[in-house]
Amino acid sequence: MALRRDSRTAKELGETLDLSLPTVYRRLDRLCECGLVTSTTEVRDDGTHCRRYECDFDETVVSLSDEGFRTESRSTPPVSGDQVESENN
């Protein structure tokens, strides 16, 4: 949920979630491998750079049955500018 609204750095996530940076990076690596989080490199005005992470899905559904838990992440396809324009007309 810490990434739900906007992108954040690993340091920002660690501070928000009260986790160590190694733990944050391990979890982010796993989430990226699963396709749930994407990362981009941000270059700052002073030439330094950092990696920003953001959520790559819209919702997660968790269901419980006799067989156990099942999770499903759902994404809404990006809307192109042409689609937005025609929807607004």
Protein backbone atom coordinates (compact mmCIF):
# COMPACT_ATOMS: atom_id res chain seq x y z
CA MET A 1 0.00 0.00 0.00
CA ALA A 2 2.96 2.32 0.50
CA LEU A 3 3.36 2.48 -3.31
CA ARG A 4 -0.31 2.73 -4.15
CA ARG A 5 -0.53 6.47 -4.73
CA ASP A 6 2.86 7.41 -6.15
CA SER A 7 6.40 6.19 -6.74
CA ARG A 8 8.92 6.11 -3.92
CA THR A 9 12.57 5.35 -3.36
CA ALA A 10 13.69 2.37 -1.28
CA LYS A 11 14.82 4.79 1.43
CA GLU A 12 11.37 6.45 1.53
CA LEU A 13 9.70 3.04 1.74
CA GLY A 14 12.02 1.94 4.54
CA GLU A 15 11.22 5.07 6.53
CA THR A 16 7.47 4.76 5.90
CA LEU A 17 7.34 1.07 6.78
CA ASP A 18 10.04 1.13 9.49
CA LEU A 19 12.12 -1.50 7.68
CA SER A 20 15.86 -1.77 7.06
CA LEU A 21 17.12 -0.97 3.55
CA PRO A 22 18.34 -4.55 2.92
CA THR A 23 14.85 -5.84 3.76
CA VAL A 24 13.21 -3.24 1.53
CA TYR A 25 15.51 -4.10 -1.40
CA ARG A 26 14.91 -7.86 -1.00
CA ARG A 27 11.17 -7.37 -1.01
CA LEU A 28 11.26 -4.90 -3.91
CA ASP A 29 13.39 -7.30 -5.95
CA ARG A 30 10.86 -10.07 -5.37
CA LEU A 31 7.89 -7.81 -6.21
CA CYS A 32 9.64 -6.70 -9.42
CA GLU A 33 10.31 -10.36 -10.36
CA CYS A 34 6.59 -11.08 -9.92
CA GLY A 35 5.63 -8.09 -12.09
CA LEU A 36 3.82 -6.31 -9.27
CA VAL A 37 6.24 -3.38 -8.98
CA THR A 38 8.21 -1.51 -11.65
CA SER A 39 11.23 0.70 -11.19
CA THR A 40 12.61 3.70 -13.03
CA THR A 41 15.83 5.62 -12.60
CA GLU A 42 15.47 9.28 -11.68
CA VAL A 43 18.37 11.61 -12.51
CA ARG A 44 18.46 14.66 -10.28
CA ASP A 45 19.65 18.15 -11.21
CA ASP A 46 22.95 17.60 -9.39
CA GLY A 47 23.69 14.52 -11.52
CA THR A 48 22.98 11.94 -8.83
CA HIS A 49 20.41 9.29 -9.52
CA CYS A 50 18.07 7.03 -7.61
CA ARG A 51 15.64 4.28 -8.40
CA ARG A 52 11.94 4.92 -7.86
CA TYR A 53 9.45 2.09 -7.45
CA GLU A 54 5.76 2.07 -8.20
CA CYS A 55 2.87 -0.35 -8.06
CA ASP A 56 2.12 -2.04 -11.39
CA PHE A 57 -1.40 -3.33 -10.66
CA ASP A 58 -4.75 -1.85 -9.71
CA GLU A 59 -6.14 -4.38 -7.28
CA THR A 60 -5.41 -7.68 -5.58
CA VAL A 61 -8.09 -10.21 -4.76
CA VAL A 62 -7.45 -12.82 -2.05
CA SER A 63 -9.86 -15.73 -1.84
CA LEU A 64 -10.03 -18.69 0.51
CA SER A 65 -11.41 -22.09 -0.42
CA ASP A 66 -11.05 -25.67 0.80
CA GLU A 67 -7.86 -25.89 -1.28
CA GLY A 68 -6.30 -22.85 0.45
CA PHE A 69 -5.60 -19.22 -0.38
CA ARG A 70 -5.57 -17.86 -3.90
CA THR A 71 -4.40 -14.40 -4.93
CA GLU A 72 -4.98 -12.57 -8.18
CA SER A 73 -3.62 -9.17 -9.17
CA ARG A 74 -5.50 -7.18 -11.77
CA SER A 75 -4.30 -4.33 -13.93
CA THR A 76 -6.23 -1.88 -16.03
CA PRO A 77 -4.60 -1.42 -19.44
CA PRO A 78 -3.15 2.06 -19.94
CA VAL A 79 -5.40 4.49 -21.77
CA SER A 80 -3.86 6.19 -24.80
CA GLY A 81 -4.30 9.90 -25.43
CA ASP A 82 -6.63 9.15 -28.37
CA GLN A 83 -8.93 7.10 -26.14
CA VAL A 84 -9.03 9.80 -23.48
CA GLU A 85 -9.85 12.46 -26.08
CA SER A 86 -12.67 10.43 -27.63
CA GLU A 87 -14.09 9.56 -24.19
CA ASN A 88 -14.20 13.26 -23.30
CA ASN A 89 -16.07 14.24 -26.50
